[in-house]
Amino acid sequence: MKQERSQVTRDRLIEAAGEVFARAGFESARLADIAQLAGVTTGALYFNFDGKEALAANLIQRQSDIATTISKEALERPGEALESMVQLSLDWARLIGSDPVAAGVRLILERPDLLPDISTPYAHWFSVAEQFLRRADANGELARHIDPDEVAFIFTAAFVGVDILSGAVQARERLIARVQLMWDVLLYGIADTRKAPGAARILRGTGATI
């Protein structure tokens, strides 16, 4: 019972920290505000976490775990590879609107020193893109001149760039629309839409112009 209560307290603190870090960033976030939002004392916060950096590292890890989970599910989904890849990127854009993920993404940019390896989040998306695009190539979904590994790099740069710039300029209010536009441009260059109609169909359903 005591262990369960401790886990509940930790979960409340992480949820509160996600909200505060997403809104204020690392430097401006105050532990007193996190504790108050979680409904616990500052002493209880320090009992569960060593301090602000420990909370931030936990949020970064949670963001990474969520990314790994939804990517794995998308990669295991049967059917058209490009369609699953487009859907995954839109799902992730929607998730960035939630506090734990938004906080994790912001903290990666503000405190990359908390990562075991600064390349980890980008390497994850590059690996996922490689797997999707190699499958798309094998399925004949890509145009003949396309190198799937090169496109994986371009996709990762575009996807990460759209996320960072949307957060810096528009507080990610238009992130989903920007990801849709990114795909609107990319699909024209890389896909044989006769073999990959599903991806184009998703974008038509979102109001993109492809």
Protein backbone atom coordinates (compact mmCIF):
# COMPACT_ATOMS: atom_id res chain seq x y z
CA MET A 1 0.00 0.00 0.00
CA LYS A 2 2.81 2.42 0.91
CA GLN A 3 4.58 1.62 -2.37
CA GLU A 4 1.35 2.26 -4.30
CA ARG A 5 0.90 5.64 -2.60
CA SER A 6 4.48 6.54 -3.44
CA GLN A 7 3.91 5.68 -7.11
CA VAL A 8 0.72 7.76 -7.17
CA THR A 9 2.68 10.70 -5.75
CA ARG A 10 5.44 10.28 -8.35
CA ASP A 11 2.88 10.13 -11.15
CA ARG A 12 1.17 13.30 -9.92
CA LEU A 13 4.51 15.07 -9.71
CA ILE A 14 5.46 14.01 -13.24
CA GLU A 15 2.09 15.15 -14.57
CA ALA A 16 2.44 18.50 -12.81
CA ALA A 17 6.05 18.87 -13.96
CA GLY A 18 4.97 18.19 -17.54
CA GLU A 19 2.48 21.04 -17.37
CA VAL A 20 4.92 23.48 -15.75
CA PHE A 21 7.92 22.63 -17.96
CA ALA A 22 5.81 22.73 -21.13
CA ARG A 23 4.54 26.19 -20.21
CA ALA A 24 7.57 27.80 -18.54
CA GLY A 25 10.63 25.90 -19.76
CA PHE A 26 13.41 24.51 -17.59
CA GLU A 27 14.99 27.69 -16.28
CA SER A 28 11.74 29.42 -15.31
CA ALA A 29 10.03 26.35 -13.84
CA ARG A 30 9.80 26.43 -10.03
CA LEU A 31 9.71 23.28 -7.93
CA ALA A 32 7.30 24.98 -5.53
CA ASP A 33 4.84 25.46 -8.41
CA ILE A 34 5.20 21.82 -9.44
CA ALA A 35 4.61 20.60 -5.88
CA GLN A 36 1.60 22.89 -5.45
CA LEU A 37 0.07 21.75 -8.73
CA ALA A 38 0.62 18.11 -7.72
CA GLY A 39 -0.98 18.77 -4.33
CA VAL A 40 2.08 17.70 -2.33
CA THR A 41 4.69 19.42 -0.19
CA THR A 42 8.09 20.43 -1.53
CA GLY A 43 9.52 17.91 0.93
CA ALA A 44 7.49 15.15 -0.73
CA LEU A 45 8.83 16.26 -4.09
CA TYR A 46 12.43 15.99 -2.88
CA PHE A 47 11.67 12.62 -1.30
CA ASN A 48 10.73 11.29 -4.76
CA PHE A 49 13.12 13.27 -6.98
CA ASP A 50 16.54 14.77 -6.34
CA GLY A 51 15.52 18.06 -7.92
CA LYS A 52 14.53 19.83 -11.11
CA GLU A 53 17.04 18.01 -13.31
CA ALA A 54 15.79 14.61 -12.13
CA LEU A 55 12.20 15.59 -12.96
CA ALA A 56 13.28 16.90 -16.37
CA ALA A 57 15.24 13.72 -17.15
CA ASN A 58 12.20 11.63 -16.19
CA LEU A 59 9.98 13.64 -18.56
CA ILE A 60 12.48 13.29 -21.39
CA GLN A 61 12.49 9.53 -20.83
CA ARG A 62 8.69 9.39 -20.81
CA GLN A 63 8.57 11.31 -24.07
CA SER A 64 11.07 8.85 -25.53
CA ASP A 65 9.05 5.87 -24.28
CA ILE A 66 5.86 7.23 -25.87
CA ALA A 67 7.68 7.82 -29.18
CA THR A 68 9.07 4.28 -29.11
CA THR A 69 5.67 2.75 -28.36
CA ILE A 70 3.68 4.51 -31.07
CA SER A 71 6.48 3.99 -33.62
CA LYS A 72 6.60 0.26 -32.89
CA GLU A 73 2.83 0.00 -33.29
CA ALA A 74 2.95 1.90 -36.59
CA LEU A 75 5.79 -0.23 -37.96
CA GLU A 76 3.89 -3.42 -37.12
CA ARG A 77 0.76 -2.19 -38.92
CA PRO A 78 0.21 -4.11 -42.16
CA GLY A 79 -0.49 -2.42 -45.45
CA GLU A 80 0.95 0.54 -47.29
CA ALA A 81 4.20 1.75 -45.72
CA LEU A 82 3.91 5.41 -46.73
CA GLU A 83 0.35 5.57 -45.43
CA SER A 84 1.48 4.29 -42.01
CA MET A 85 4.42 6.71 -42.02
CA VAL A 86 2.21 9.72 -42.77
CA GLN A 87 -0.28 8.65 -40.11
CA LEU A 88 2.47 8.19 -37.50
CA SER A 89 3.86 11.68 -38.10
CA LEU A 90 0.38 13.21 -37.74
CA ASP A 91 -0.30 11.18 -34.58
CA TRP A 92 2.99 12.42 -33.10
CA ALA A 93 2.14 16.02 -33.99
CA ARG A 94 -1.13 15.62 -32.08
CA LEU A 95 0.63 14.05 -29.09
CA ILE A 96 3.00 17.01 -28.84
CA GLY A 97 -0.04 18.95 -27.67
CA SER A 98 -0.10 16.87 -24.47
CA ASP A 99 1.96 18.10 -21.51
CA PRO A 100 4.33 15.15 -20.94
CA VAL A 101 5.31 14.97 -24.61
CA ALA A 102 5.43 18.75 -25.12
CA ALA A 103 7.58 19.12 -22.02
CA GLY A 104 9.92 16.34 -23.12
CA VAL A 105 10.38 17.87 -26.57
CA ARG A 106 11.03 21.33 -25.09
CA LEU A 107 13.47 19.97 -22.52
CA ILE A 108 15.47 18.11 -25.18
CA LEU A 109 16.07 21.46 -26.87
CA GLU A 110 16.75 23.41 -23.67
CA ARG A 111 18.77 20.79 -21.78
CA PRO A 112 20.35 18.35 -24.24
CA ASP A 113 22.95 17.62 -21.56
CA LEU A 114 20.30 15.55 -19.77
CA LEU A 115 20.29 13.07 -22.66
CA PRO A 116 22.65 10.07 -22.52
CA ASP A 117 23.44 10.89 -26.17
CA ILE A 118 22.33 14.13 -27.84
CA SER A 119 21.61 12.27 -31.10
CA THR A 120 19.18 9.78 -29.49
CA PRO A 121 15.80 11.40 -30.31
CA TYR A 122 16.86 12.23 -33.87
CA ALA A 123 18.40 8.79 -34.41
CA HIS A 124 15.09 7.26 -33.35
CA TRP A 125 13.07 9.09 -36.01
CA PHE A 126 15.76 8.47 -38.63
CA SER A 127 15.66 4.72 -37.91
CA VAL A 128 11.86 4.63 -38.05
CA ALA A 129 11.85 6.55 -41.34
CA GLU A 130 14.48 4.20 -42.81
CA GLN A 131 12.37 1.16 -41.97
CA PHE A 132 9.20 2.65 -43.45
CA LEU A 133 10.92 3.87 -46.60
CA ARG A 134 12.80 0.63 -47.24
CA ARG A 135 9.49 -1.21 -46.97
CA ALA A 136 7.86 1.35 -49.26
CA ASP A 137 10.68 0.83 -51.76
CA ALA A 138 10.23 -2.94 -51.65
CA ASN A 139 6.49 -2.46 -52.21
CA GLY A 140 7.08 -0.22 -55.24
CA GLU A 141 5.55 2.79 -53.46
CA LEU A 142 8.56 5.04 -54.15
CA ALA A 143 9.45 6.65 -57.45
CA ARG A 144 12.24 4.77 -59.24
CA HIS A 145 14.98 7.35 -58.68
CA ILE A 146 14.48 7.53 -54.90
CA ASP A 147 17.09 6.30 -52.40
CA PRO A 148 15.08 5.40 -49.25
CA ASP A 149 17.99 6.03 -46.86
CA GLU A 150 18.66 9.49 -48.28
CA VAL A 151 14.96 10.36 -48.06
CA ALA A 152 14.92 9.11 -44.44
CA PHE A 153 17.52 11.77 -43.63
CA ILE A 154 15.56 14.49 -45.44
CA PHE A 155 12.31 13.44 -43.75
CA THR A 156 13.91 13.52 -40.29
CA ALA A 157 15.43 16.95 -40.90
CA ALA A 158 12.10 18.29 -42.20
CA PHE A 159 9.99 16.70 -39.45
CA VAL A 160 12.25 17.84 -36.60
CA GLY A 161 12.62 21.27 -38.19
CA VAL A 162 8.87 21.76 -38.57
CA ASP A 163 8.40 20.80 -34.91
CA ILE A 164 11.14 23.12 -33.60
CA LEU A 165 10.14 26.10 -35.75
CA SER A 166 6.44 25.67 -34.96
CA GLY A 167 7.26 25.64 -31.25
CA ALA A 168 9.49 28.70 -31.50
CA VAL A 169 7.21 30.81 -33.69
CA GLN A 170 3.64 29.68 -33.08
CA ALA A 171 3.68 27.65 -29.84
CA ARG A 172 2.91 24.61 -32.02
CA GLU A 173 -0.63 25.86 -32.64
CA ARG A 174 -0.29 25.02 -36.33
CA LEU A 175 2.03 22.03 -36.04
CA ILE A 176 -0.41 19.51 -37.51
CA ALA A 177 -1.12 21.80 -40.47
CA ARG A 178 2.62 22.25 -41.03
CA VAL A 179 3.25 18.49 -40.94
CA GLN A 180 0.46 18.04 -43.47
CA LEU A 181 2.06 20.66 -45.72
CA MET A 182 5.45 18.98 -45.32
CA TRP A 183 3.97 15.72 -46.60
CA ASP A 184 2.09 17.55 -49.32
CA VAL A 185 5.49 18.59 -50.69
CA LEU A 186 7.40 15.37 -49.94
CA LEU A 187 4.94 12.93 -51.46
CA TYR A 188 5.04 14.66 -54.83
CA GLY A 189 8.80 14.14 -54.91
CA ILE A 190 9.19 10.61 -53.57
CA ALA A 191 6.03 8.58 -54.13
CA ASP A 192 4.50 6.66 -56.97
CA THR A 193 0.98 7.62 -55.94
CA ARG A 194 -0.48 4.83 -58.06
CA LYS A 195 1.18 2.37 -55.65
CA ALA A 196 0.73 4.54 -52.54
CA PRO A 197 -2.82 5.91 -52.70
CA GLY A 198 -3.40 5.58 -48.95
CA ALA A 199 -0.90 8.28 -47.98
CA ALA A 200 -2.42 10.75 -50.42
CA ARG A 201 -5.89 9.80 -49.17
CA ILE A 202 -4.94 10.66 -45.56
CA LEU A 203 -3.75 14.10 -46.64
CA ARG A 204 -6.89 14.74 -48.67
CA GLY A 205 -8.88 13.89 -45.56
CA THR A 206 -6.95 16.50 -43.55
CA GLY A 207 -7.46 19.24 -46.10
CA ALA A 208 -3.96 19.21 -47.58
CA THR A 209 -3.78 19.95 -51.28
CA ILE A 210 -2.25 16.77 -52.73
